[in-house]
Every structure is written in structure tokens, then in C-alpha cells.
N, C-alpha and C. Protein backbone atom coordinates (compact mmCIF):
# COMPACT_ATOMS: atom_id res chain seq x y z
N MET A 1 -25.17 32.51 -59.78
CA MET A 1 -23.97 33.30 -59.64
C MET A 1 -24.31 34.74 -59.26
N ALA A 2 -25.38 35.28 -59.85
CA ALA A 2 -25.79 36.64 -59.54
C ALA A 2 -26.21 36.77 -58.08
N ASN A 3 -26.85 35.72 -57.54
CA ASN A 3 -27.25 35.75 -56.13
C ASN A 3 -26.04 35.81 -55.22
N GLY A 4 -24.99 35.07 -55.58
CA GLY A 4 -23.76 35.08 -54.79
C GLY A 4 -23.12 36.46 -54.79
N LEU A 5 -23.11 37.11 -55.94
CA LEU A 5 -22.54 38.45 -56.05
C LEU A 5 -23.39 39.45 -55.25
N SER A 6 -24.69 39.31 -55.37
CA SER A 6 -25.59 40.20 -54.62
C SER A 6 -25.38 40.05 -53.12
N LYS A 7 -25.21 38.82 -52.68
CA LYS A 7 -25.00 38.56 -51.25
C LYS A 7 -23.69 39.18 -50.78
N LYS A 8 -22.63 39.01 -51.57
CA LYS A 8 -21.33 39.58 -51.21
C LYS A 8 -21.39 41.11 -51.16
N MET A 9 -22.09 41.70 -52.14
CA MET A 9 -22.23 43.16 -52.16
C MET A 9 -23.00 43.65 -50.94
N ALA A 10 -24.05 42.92 -50.57
CA ALA A 10 -24.85 43.29 -49.40
C ALA A 10 -24.00 43.22 -48.14
N GLU A 11 -23.19 42.16 -48.02
CA GLU A 11 -22.31 42.02 -46.86
C GLU A 11 -21.29 43.15 -46.81
N LEU A 12 -20.74 43.50 -47.96
CA LEU A 12 -19.75 44.57 -48.03
C LEU A 12 -20.37 45.90 -47.64
N LEU A 13 -21.56 46.18 -48.16
CA LEU A 13 -22.24 47.42 -47.83
C LEU A 13 -22.61 47.49 -46.36
N GLU A 14 -23.01 46.36 -45.78
CA GLU A 14 -23.33 46.32 -44.35
C GLU A 14 -22.10 46.64 -43.52
N LYS A 15 -20.95 46.08 -43.90
CA LYS A 15 -19.71 46.36 -43.17
C LYS A 15 -19.34 47.83 -43.30
N MET A 16 -19.54 48.39 -44.49
CA MET A 16 -19.25 49.81 -44.68
C MET A 16 -20.17 50.66 -43.83
N ASP A 17 -21.46 50.30 -43.77
CA ASP A 17 -22.41 51.02 -42.93
C ASP A 17 -21.98 50.98 -41.47
N ASP A 18 -21.51 49.82 -41.02
CA ASP A 18 -21.05 49.68 -39.63
C ASP A 18 -19.85 50.59 -39.37
N LYS A 19 -18.93 50.66 -40.32
CA LYS A 19 -17.76 51.53 -40.14
C LYS A 19 -18.16 52.99 -40.09
N VAL A 20 -19.10 53.37 -40.94
CA VAL A 20 -19.59 54.75 -40.95
C VAL A 20 -20.28 55.06 -39.63
N LEU A 21 -21.10 54.13 -39.15
CA LEU A 21 -21.79 54.32 -37.87
C LEU A 21 -20.79 54.47 -36.73
N ALA A 22 -19.78 53.62 -36.70
CA ALA A 22 -18.75 53.70 -35.65
C ALA A 22 -18.04 55.05 -35.72
N ALA A 23 -17.72 55.50 -36.90
CA ALA A 23 -17.05 56.80 -37.07
C ALA A 23 -17.95 57.93 -36.59
N LYS A 24 -19.23 57.85 -36.88
CA LYS A 24 -20.16 58.89 -36.44
C LYS A 24 -20.32 58.90 -34.93
N ILE A 25 -20.35 57.72 -34.32
CA ILE A 25 -20.45 57.65 -32.86
C ILE A 25 -19.21 58.29 -32.24
N ASN A 26 -18.04 57.93 -32.75
CA ASN A 26 -16.81 58.51 -32.22
C ASN A 26 -16.76 60.02 -32.42
N ALA A 27 -17.22 60.50 -33.57
CA ALA A 27 -17.24 61.94 -33.84
C ALA A 27 -18.18 62.66 -32.88
N ALA A 28 -19.34 62.07 -32.62
CA ALA A 28 -20.30 62.68 -31.69
C ALA A 28 -19.72 62.73 -30.28
N VAL A 29 -19.06 61.65 -29.86
CA VAL A 29 -18.44 61.63 -28.53
C VAL A 29 -17.35 62.70 -28.46
N ASP A 30 -16.56 62.84 -29.51
CA ASP A 30 -15.52 63.87 -29.52
C ASP A 30 -16.11 65.28 -29.44
N MET A 31 -17.22 65.50 -30.15
CA MET A 31 -17.89 66.81 -30.08
C MET A 31 -18.38 67.09 -28.67
N LEU A 32 -18.94 66.06 -28.04
CA LEU A 32 -19.42 66.24 -26.67
C LEU A 32 -18.26 66.51 -25.72
N LYS A 33 -17.17 65.78 -25.88
CA LYS A 33 -16.02 65.97 -24.99
C LYS A 33 -15.42 67.36 -25.15
N SER A 34 -15.40 67.87 -26.38
CA SER A 34 -14.81 69.18 -26.62
C SER A 34 -15.81 70.30 -26.35
N GLU A 35 -16.99 69.90 -25.86
CA GLU A 35 -18.07 70.84 -25.55
C GLU A 35 -18.45 71.68 -26.76
N ASN A 36 -18.38 71.06 -27.93
CA ASN A 36 -18.75 71.71 -29.17
C ASN A 36 -20.25 71.49 -29.40
N TYR A 37 -21.06 71.98 -28.47
CA TYR A 37 -22.49 71.73 -28.49
C TYR A 37 -23.18 72.42 -29.65
N ASP A 38 -22.68 73.61 -30.02
CA ASP A 38 -23.31 74.33 -31.13
C ASP A 38 -23.21 73.52 -32.42
N GLU A 39 -22.04 72.95 -32.69
CA GLU A 39 -21.85 72.14 -33.90
C GLU A 39 -22.72 70.89 -33.84
N LEU A 40 -22.77 70.26 -32.68
CA LEU A 40 -23.61 69.07 -32.53
C LEU A 40 -25.08 69.43 -32.72
N ALA A 41 -25.49 70.55 -32.16
CA ALA A 41 -26.89 70.98 -32.30
C ALA A 41 -27.23 71.22 -33.77
N LYS A 42 -26.32 71.84 -34.51
CA LYS A 42 -26.54 72.07 -35.95
C LYS A 42 -26.72 70.74 -36.68
N LYS A 43 -25.86 69.78 -36.37
CA LYS A 43 -25.94 68.48 -37.03
C LYS A 43 -27.23 67.75 -36.66
N LEU A 44 -27.62 67.82 -35.39
CA LEU A 44 -28.85 67.15 -34.96
C LEU A 44 -30.09 67.76 -35.60
N ARG A 45 -30.07 69.08 -35.80
CA ARG A 45 -31.21 69.73 -36.44
C ARG A 45 -31.40 69.27 -37.88
N LYS A 46 -30.30 68.88 -38.52
CA LYS A 46 -30.34 68.46 -39.93
C LYS A 46 -30.78 67.01 -40.10
N VAL A 47 -30.70 66.23 -39.02
CA VAL A 47 -31.00 64.80 -39.10
C VAL A 47 -32.36 64.52 -38.51
N ASP A 48 -33.08 63.63 -39.14
CA ASP A 48 -34.38 63.21 -38.65
C ASP A 48 -34.21 62.50 -37.31
N LYS A 49 -34.89 63.00 -36.29
CA LYS A 49 -34.78 62.43 -34.94
C LYS A 49 -35.20 60.96 -34.91
N ASN A 50 -36.20 60.61 -35.71
CA ASN A 50 -36.63 59.21 -35.77
C ASN A 50 -35.52 58.32 -36.32
N GLU A 51 -34.78 58.84 -37.28
CA GLU A 51 -33.65 58.08 -37.85
C GLU A 51 -32.57 57.87 -36.79
N ILE A 52 -32.30 58.92 -36.01
CA ILE A 52 -31.30 58.79 -34.94
C ILE A 52 -31.75 57.73 -33.94
N MET A 53 -33.02 57.79 -33.54
CA MET A 53 -33.53 56.83 -32.56
C MET A 53 -33.50 55.41 -33.12
N THR A 54 -33.81 55.27 -34.41
CA THR A 54 -33.75 53.95 -35.03
C THR A 54 -32.34 53.40 -34.97
N LYS A 55 -31.36 54.23 -35.32
CA LYS A 55 -29.96 53.78 -35.28
C LYS A 55 -29.53 53.47 -33.86
N LEU A 56 -29.90 54.32 -32.91
CA LEU A 56 -29.52 54.08 -31.52
C LEU A 56 -30.19 52.82 -30.98
N SER A 57 -31.40 52.54 -31.43
CA SER A 57 -32.11 51.34 -30.98
C SER A 57 -31.44 50.06 -31.47
N GLU A 58 -30.69 50.16 -32.57
CA GLU A 58 -29.99 49.01 -33.11
C GLU A 58 -28.73 48.68 -32.31
N ILE A 59 -28.29 49.61 -31.47
CA ILE A 59 -27.04 49.43 -30.75
C ILE A 59 -27.28 48.68 -29.45
N ASN A 60 -26.60 47.57 -29.31
CA ASN A 60 -26.60 46.79 -28.08
C ASN A 60 -25.16 46.31 -27.87
N ASP A 61 -24.93 45.50 -26.85
CA ASP A 61 -23.56 45.05 -26.58
C ASP A 61 -22.96 44.31 -27.77
N GLU A 62 -23.76 43.49 -28.43
CA GLU A 62 -23.26 42.73 -29.58
C GLU A 62 -22.89 43.67 -30.73
N LYS A 63 -23.74 44.67 -30.97
CA LYS A 63 -23.49 45.63 -32.05
C LYS A 63 -22.23 46.45 -31.76
N LEU A 64 -22.03 46.81 -30.50
CA LEU A 64 -20.83 47.55 -30.12
C LEU A 64 -19.58 46.73 -30.43
N LYS A 65 -19.65 45.43 -30.16
CA LYS A 65 -18.51 44.55 -30.47
C LYS A 65 -18.27 44.49 -31.97
N GLU A 66 -19.35 44.37 -32.74
CA GLU A 66 -19.23 44.34 -34.20
C GLU A 66 -18.61 45.63 -34.73
N LEU A 67 -18.95 46.75 -34.09
CA LEU A 67 -18.42 48.04 -34.50
C LEU A 67 -17.02 48.30 -33.94
N LYS A 68 -16.54 47.33 -33.16
CA LYS A 68 -15.25 47.44 -32.50
C LYS A 68 -15.18 48.68 -31.59
N LEU A 69 -16.29 48.90 -30.88
CA LEU A 69 -16.36 49.96 -29.90
C LEU A 69 -16.42 49.32 -28.52
N ASP A 70 -15.53 49.76 -27.66
CA ASP A 70 -15.46 49.22 -26.31
C ASP A 70 -16.42 50.00 -25.41
N LYS A 71 -17.37 49.28 -24.82
CA LYS A 71 -18.38 49.92 -23.98
C LYS A 71 -17.73 50.64 -22.79
N ALA A 72 -16.75 50.01 -22.19
CA ALA A 72 -16.06 50.63 -21.04
C ALA A 72 -15.37 51.92 -21.47
N GLU A 73 -14.78 51.90 -22.65
CA GLU A 73 -14.11 53.10 -23.16
C GLU A 73 -15.13 54.20 -23.44
N LEU A 74 -16.27 53.83 -24.02
CA LEU A 74 -17.33 54.82 -24.25
C LEU A 74 -17.82 55.41 -22.93
N LYS A 75 -17.99 54.55 -21.93
CA LYS A 75 -18.42 55.03 -20.60
C LYS A 75 -17.40 56.02 -20.05
N GLN A 76 -16.13 55.66 -20.18
CA GLN A 76 -15.07 56.53 -19.67
C GLN A 76 -15.08 57.88 -20.38
N LYS A 77 -15.19 57.86 -21.70
CA LYS A 77 -15.23 59.11 -22.46
C LYS A 77 -16.44 59.94 -22.08
N MET A 78 -17.57 59.27 -21.88
CA MET A 78 -18.81 59.98 -21.60
C MET A 78 -18.94 60.41 -20.14
N SER A 79 -18.12 59.84 -19.26
CA SER A 79 -18.24 60.17 -17.84
C SER A 79 -17.91 61.63 -17.56
N SER A 80 -17.08 62.23 -18.40
CA SER A 80 -16.72 63.62 -18.17
C SER A 80 -17.74 64.58 -18.79
N ILE A 81 -18.77 64.03 -19.40
CA ILE A 81 -19.78 64.84 -20.08
C ILE A 81 -21.07 64.80 -19.28
N ASP A 82 -21.61 65.95 -18.98
CA ASP A 82 -22.88 66.02 -18.29
C ASP A 82 -23.98 65.97 -19.35
N LEU A 83 -24.50 64.77 -19.59
CA LEU A 83 -25.49 64.59 -20.64
C LEU A 83 -26.78 65.36 -20.37
N ASP A 84 -27.11 65.56 -19.10
CA ASP A 84 -28.30 66.34 -18.79
C ASP A 84 -28.11 67.80 -19.24
N ALA A 85 -26.91 68.33 -19.03
CA ALA A 85 -26.62 69.70 -19.47
C ALA A 85 -26.64 69.79 -20.99
N VAL A 86 -26.11 68.76 -21.63
CA VAL A 86 -26.11 68.72 -23.10
C VAL A 86 -27.55 68.72 -23.61
N GLN A 87 -28.39 67.89 -22.99
CA GLN A 87 -29.80 67.80 -23.40
C GLN A 87 -30.48 69.16 -23.27
N LYS A 88 -30.22 69.86 -22.19
CA LYS A 88 -30.83 71.18 -22.00
C LYS A 88 -30.36 72.16 -23.07
N MET A 89 -29.09 72.08 -23.42
CA MET A 89 -28.55 72.97 -24.45
C MET A 89 -29.13 72.67 -25.83
N LEU A 90 -29.30 71.40 -26.12
CA LEU A 90 -29.75 71.00 -27.45
C LEU A 90 -31.26 71.08 -27.60
N GLY A 91 -31.98 71.12 -26.48
CA GLY A 91 -33.42 71.28 -26.56
C GLY A 91 -34.17 70.01 -26.22
N GLU A 92 -35.46 70.19 -26.00
CA GLU A 92 -36.33 69.09 -25.57
C GLU A 92 -36.43 67.99 -26.61
N SER A 93 -36.25 68.31 -27.87
CA SER A 93 -36.39 67.28 -28.91
C SER A 93 -35.32 66.20 -28.80
N THR A 94 -34.32 66.46 -27.98
CA THR A 94 -33.24 65.48 -27.83
C THR A 94 -33.38 64.62 -26.57
N THR A 95 -34.46 64.80 -25.82
CA THR A 95 -34.63 64.06 -24.57
C THR A 95 -34.52 62.56 -24.78
N GLU A 96 -35.22 62.04 -25.80
CA GLU A 96 -35.19 60.60 -26.07
C GLU A 96 -33.80 60.17 -26.52
N ILE A 97 -33.15 60.99 -27.31
CA ILE A 97 -31.82 60.65 -27.82
C ILE A 97 -30.83 60.54 -26.66
N ILE A 98 -30.82 61.53 -25.79
CA ILE A 98 -29.91 61.52 -24.64
C ILE A 98 -30.23 60.33 -23.74
N GLY A 99 -31.52 60.06 -23.54
CA GLY A 99 -31.93 58.90 -22.73
C GLY A 99 -31.41 57.59 -23.31
N LYS A 100 -31.49 57.45 -24.62
CA LYS A 100 -31.02 56.23 -25.26
C LYS A 100 -29.51 56.10 -25.14
N ILE A 101 -28.81 57.21 -25.28
CA ILE A 101 -27.34 57.20 -25.12
C ILE A 101 -26.99 56.74 -23.71
N LYS A 102 -27.72 57.26 -22.71
CA LYS A 102 -27.48 56.86 -21.32
C LYS A 102 -27.72 55.35 -21.14
N ASP A 103 -28.77 54.85 -21.79
CA ASP A 103 -29.06 53.40 -21.71
C ASP A 103 -27.93 52.57 -22.31
N ILE A 104 -27.39 53.04 -23.41
CA ILE A 104 -26.33 52.30 -24.11
C ILE A 104 -25.07 52.21 -23.27
N ILE A 105 -24.71 53.31 -22.61
CA ILE A 105 -23.42 53.33 -21.90
C ILE A 105 -23.50 52.84 -20.46
N LYS A 106 -24.71 52.52 -19.97
CA LYS A 106 -24.77 52.07 -18.57
C LYS A 106 -24.39 50.62 -18.43
């Protein structure tokens, strides 16, 4: 019985993690669209770049569907954003992050 409860709790926590991840992706896209680069830069400086890359590496078409994120919609939102300009503003440490974002939305 304890194993069943543990499994249910793990599933619930995984779903919560997915919702948090989806919310963070949407918030980052909104920051980029509003050209709030300073705020995004502050947030990126506080987060371990390896952690960001790990999370971005987990995202594929299937994961986007699980997160209920439409790839075409993300592409549309991101099309008005010059990611190369964003990368230059945020610094060289974000080169891999911006590259991974470009890979996800292509």
C-alpha cells in the first residue's frame, strides 16, 4: 500500500513540476517579447546555467505536448524576438541557452 501511495505522490509531483516548467517557459517568452532583458538577465544570473541546459535538453516535441505548449505558438511568439540580440545583451554565458531555445522552436 505504501508503494502505491509513493507512486501516486511521485506522479503528482511530476505533474506539478511540468506545470511549473510550462509557467516558467511562458514567463520567459513574455519577458523576451516585452524586451525586459534586464529582468531576464537578473534571473539568469541567479540560476545555474547547467540546470537551465539540463531542463532545456529535456524539452522535445513530446514534452511540449505534455506541457500543453504549442510549438507553432511558441515559434510565432519568438519570431518577433531577435534571439541573437538577446544573447549579446545577456552575455556569452547564454550562447548555449539561446542555441538550445532556437533548436526547440525550429
